[in-house]
Amino acid sequence: MRAGDLRHRITLEAATEVRGDGGTVTTKWTPIPGASNIPCSIEALDGTEALRGMQLQARVTHRLRLRWRAGVTAKLRARQSARVFHIQRVTDPGERRAELVLLAEEVVG
């Protein structure tokens, strides 16, 4: 992975449930400490790649690549400015702890 490819910056966020008045439960996404401004690449998947991704998990629209870091799971989401990506799958190519590939769905709206 070349440093020049990591031209985007993301923040990893975790969901927490917040109980409101009347007992309603809502999900609040908060940044993970130390997981802000992470360099990564963001690639839109073409139709064939997206179809392969959907066979493995839910809808997959993008591939995010970043340097390896512990604790990244499909329970998190990535935010790049106003864009939000729900992580569907996390892989460590070659299992060398050099990089992570996140297959994700971009949430629009």
C-alpha atoms as a PDB file:
ATOM      1  CA  MET A   1       0.000   0.000   0.000  1.00  0.00           C
ATOM      2  CA  ARG A   2       1.477   3.320  -1.045  1.00  0.00           C
ATOM      3  CA  ALA A   3       1.102   6.341   1.207  1.00  0.00           C
ATOM      4  CA  GLY A   4      -0.095   8.413  -1.772  1.00  0.00           C
ATOM      5  CA  ASP A   5      -3.135   6.144  -2.137  1.00  0.00           C
ATOM      6  CA  LEU A   6      -4.301   7.034   1.379  1.00  0.00           C
ATOM      7  CA  ARG A   7      -5.619  10.459   0.441  1.00  0.00           C
ATOM      8  CA  HIS A   8      -8.905  10.356   2.370  1.00  0.00           C
ATOM      9  CA  ARG A   9      -9.326  10.761   6.136  1.00  0.00           C
ATOM     10  CA  ILE A  10     -11.911   8.775   8.086  1.00  0.00           C
ATOM     11  CA  THR A  11     -13.129   8.555  11.656  1.00  0.00           C
ATOM     12  CA  LEU A  12     -14.240   5.212  13.076  1.00  0.00           C
ATOM     13  CA  GLU A  13     -17.412   5.388  15.147  1.00  0.00           C
ATOM     14  CA  ALA A  14     -19.135   2.944  17.504  1.00  0.00           C
ATOM     15  CA  ALA A  15     -22.851   2.706  18.213  1.00  0.00           C
ATOM     16  CA  THR A  16     -24.231   3.252  21.682  1.00  0.00           C
ATOM     17  CA  GLU A  17     -27.852   2.948  22.690  1.00  0.00           C
ATOM     18  CA  VAL A  18     -29.327   5.962  24.443  1.00  0.00           C
ATOM     19  CA  ARG A  19     -32.545   5.643  26.406  1.00  0.00           C
ATOM     20  CA  GLY A  20     -34.688   8.730  26.109  1.00  0.00           C
ATOM     21  CA  ASP A  21     -37.718  10.037  27.933  1.00  0.00           C
ATOM     22  CA  GLY A  22     -40.558   7.577  27.834  1.00  0.00           C
ATOM     23  CA  GLY A  23     -38.177   4.624  27.440  1.00  0.00           C
ATOM     24  CA  THR A  24     -37.444   5.071  23.741  1.00  0.00           C
ATOM     25  CA  VAL A  25     -34.074   3.726  22.667  1.00  0.00           C
ATOM     26  CA  THR A  26     -32.080   5.453  19.945  1.00  0.00           C
ATOM     27  CA  THR A  27     -28.678   4.690  18.473  1.00  0.00           C
ATOM     28  CA  LYS A  28     -25.981   7.324  18.815  1.00  0.00           C
ATOM     29  CA  TRP A  29     -22.694   7.053  16.910  1.00  0.00           C
ATOM     30  CA  THR A  30     -19.625   8.379  18.707  1.00  0.00           C
ATOM     31  CA  PRO A  31     -16.006   8.554  17.544  1.00  0.00           C
ATOM     32  CA  ILE A  32     -13.678   5.937  18.998  1.00  0.00           C
ATOM     33  CA  PRO A  33     -10.843   7.545  20.987  1.00  0.00           C
ATOM     34  CA  GLY A  34      -7.688   7.592  18.871  1.00  0.00           C
ATOM     35  CA  ALA A  35      -9.557   6.624  15.698  1.00  0.00           C
ATOM     36  CA  SER A  36      -9.973  10.033  14.064  1.00  0.00           C
ATOM     37  CA  ASN A  37      -8.239  11.386  10.979  1.00  0.00           C
ATOM     38  CA  ILE A  38      -7.147   7.908   9.779  1.00  0.00           C
ATOM     39  CA  PRO A  39      -5.574   7.939   6.282  1.00  0.00           C
ATOM     40  CA  CYS A  40      -7.337   5.557   3.883  1.00  0.00           C
ATOM     41  CA  SER A  41      -8.328   4.999   0.280  1.00  0.00           C
ATOM     42  CA  ILE A  42     -11.980   4.835  -0.738  1.00  0.00           C
ATOM     43  CA  GLU A  43     -12.895   2.963  -3.908  1.00  0.00           C
ATOM     44  CA  ALA A  44     -16.386   2.639  -5.374  1.00  0.00           C
ATOM     45  CA  LEU A  45     -16.990  -0.951  -6.446  1.00  0.00           C
ATOM     46  CA  ASP A  46     -18.196  -1.721  -9.939  1.00  0.00           C
ATOM     47  CA  GLY A  47     -21.245  -3.923 -10.457  1.00  0.00           C
ATOM     48  CA  THR A  48     -19.337  -7.231 -10.517  1.00  0.00           C
ATOM     49  CA  GLU A  49     -17.339  -6.519  -7.363  1.00  0.00           C
ATOM     50  CA  ALA A  50     -20.441  -5.269  -5.543  1.00  0.00           C
ATOM     51  CA  LEU A  51     -22.321  -8.455  -6.505  1.00  0.00           C
ATOM     52  CA  ARG A  52     -19.522 -10.627  -5.088  1.00  0.00           C
ATOM     53  CA  GLY A  53     -19.568  -8.550  -1.916  1.00  0.00           C
ATOM     54  CA  MET A  54     -23.321  -8.925  -1.541  1.00  0.00           C
ATOM     55  CA  GLN A  55     -23.015 -12.703  -1.694  1.00  0.00           C
ATOM     56  CA  LEU A  56     -20.798 -12.557   1.394  1.00  0.00           C
ATOM     57  CA  GLN A  57     -22.667  -9.990   3.432  1.00  0.00           C
ATOM     58  CA  ALA A  58     -25.297  -7.323   3.108  1.00  0.00           C
ATOM     59  CA  ARG A  59     -25.066  -4.631   0.444  1.00  0.00           C
ATOM     60  CA  VAL A  60     -21.494  -3.586  -0.383  1.00  0.00           C
ATOM     61  CA  THR A  61     -20.788  -0.423  -2.385  1.00  0.00           C
ATOM     62  CA  HIS A  62     -17.235   0.617  -1.447  1.00  0.00           C
ATOM     63  CA  ARG A  63     -13.843  -0.744  -0.459  1.00  0.00           C
ATOM     64  CA  LEU A  64     -11.832   1.191   2.117  1.00  0.00           C
ATOM     65  CA  ARG A  65      -8.146   0.392   2.640  1.00  0.00           C
ATOM     66  CA  LEU A  66      -6.146   1.555   5.616  1.00  0.00           C
ATOM     67  CA  ARG A  67      -3.082   0.591   7.575  1.00  0.00           C
ATOM     68  CA  TRP A  68      -3.696  -2.264  10.008  1.00  0.00           C
ATOM     69  CA  ARG A  69      -5.065  -1.362  13.406  1.00  0.00           C
ATOM     70  CA  ALA A  70      -6.535  -3.480  16.172  1.00  0.00           C
ATOM     71  CA  GLY A  71     -10.220  -3.482  17.069  1.00  0.00           C
ATOM     72  CA  VAL A  72     -11.789  -2.727  13.696  1.00  0.00           C
ATOM     73  CA  THR A  73     -14.932  -4.847  13.272  1.00  0.00           C
ATOM     74  CA  ALA A  74     -18.163  -4.893  11.291  1.00  0.00           C
ATOM     75  CA  LYS A  75     -19.919  -3.360  14.309  1.00  0.00           C
ATOM     76  CA  LEU A  76     -18.294  -0.006  13.539  1.00  0.00           C
ATOM     77  CA  ARG A  77     -18.887   2.574  10.854  1.00  0.00           C
ATOM     78  CA  ALA A  78     -16.538   4.955   9.070  1.00  0.00           C
ATOM     79  CA  ARG A  79     -17.237   8.639   8.495  1.00  0.00           C
ATOM     80  CA  GLN A  80     -15.449  10.709   5.858  1.00  0.00           C
ATOM     81  CA  SER A  81     -16.649  14.281   6.218  1.00  0.00           C
ATOM     82  CA  ALA A  82     -20.411  14.051   5.498  1.00  0.00           C
ATOM     83  CA  ARG A  83     -20.167  10.533   4.015  1.00  0.00           C
ATOM     84  CA  VAL A  84     -21.043   7.521   6.178  1.00  0.00           C
ATOM     85  CA  PHE A  85     -19.984   3.918   5.487  1.00  0.00           C
ATOM     86  CA  HIS A  86     -21.461   0.999   7.424  1.00  0.00           C
ATOM     87  CA  ILE A  87     -18.769  -1.679   7.570  1.00  0.00           C
ATOM     88  CA  GLN A  88     -20.007  -5.083   6.394  1.00  0.00           C
ATOM     89  CA  ARG A  89     -16.751  -7.054   6.440  1.00  0.00           C
ATOM     90  CA  VAL A  90     -13.155  -6.532   7.614  1.00  0.00           C
ATOM     91  CA  THR A  91     -10.239  -8.483   6.121  1.00  0.00           C
ATOM     92  CA  ASP A  92      -6.496  -8.544   6.735  1.00  0.00           C
ATOM     93  CA  PRO A  93      -4.998  -9.456   3.329  1.00  0.00           C
ATOM     94  CA  GLY A  94      -2.256 -12.033   3.766  1.00  0.00           C
ATOM     95  CA  GLU A  95      -2.835 -11.936   7.542  1.00  0.00           C
ATOM     96  CA  ARG A  96       0.329  -9.847   7.912  1.00  0.00           C
ATOM     97  CA  ARG A  97      -1.144  -6.999   9.959  1.00  0.00           C
ATOM     98  CA  ALA A  98       0.004  -4.558   7.297  1.00  0.00           C
ATOM     99  CA  GLU A  99      -3.365  -3.294   6.059  1.00  0.00           C
ATOM    100  CA  LEU A 100      -7.102  -3.715   6.502  1.00  0.00           C
ATOM    101  CA  VAL A 101      -9.711  -3.864   3.765  1.00  0.00           C
ATOM    102  CA  LEU A 102     -13.200  -2.776   4.786  1.00  0.00           C
ATOM    103  CA  LEU A 103     -16.119  -3.744   2.558  1.00  0.00           C
ATOM    104  CA  ALA A 104     -18.801  -1.198   3.316  1.00  0.00           C
ATOM    105  CA  GLU A 105     -22.125   0.242   2.272  1.00  0.00           C
ATOM    106  CA  GLU A 106     -22.353   3.985   1.858  1.00  0.00           C
ATOM    107  CA  VAL A 107     -25.469   5.378   3.521  1.00  0.00           C
ATOM    108  CA  VAL A 108     -27.121   8.000   1.355  1.00  0.00           C
ATOM    109  CA  GLY A 109     -29.603  10.466   2.723  1.00  0.00           C
END
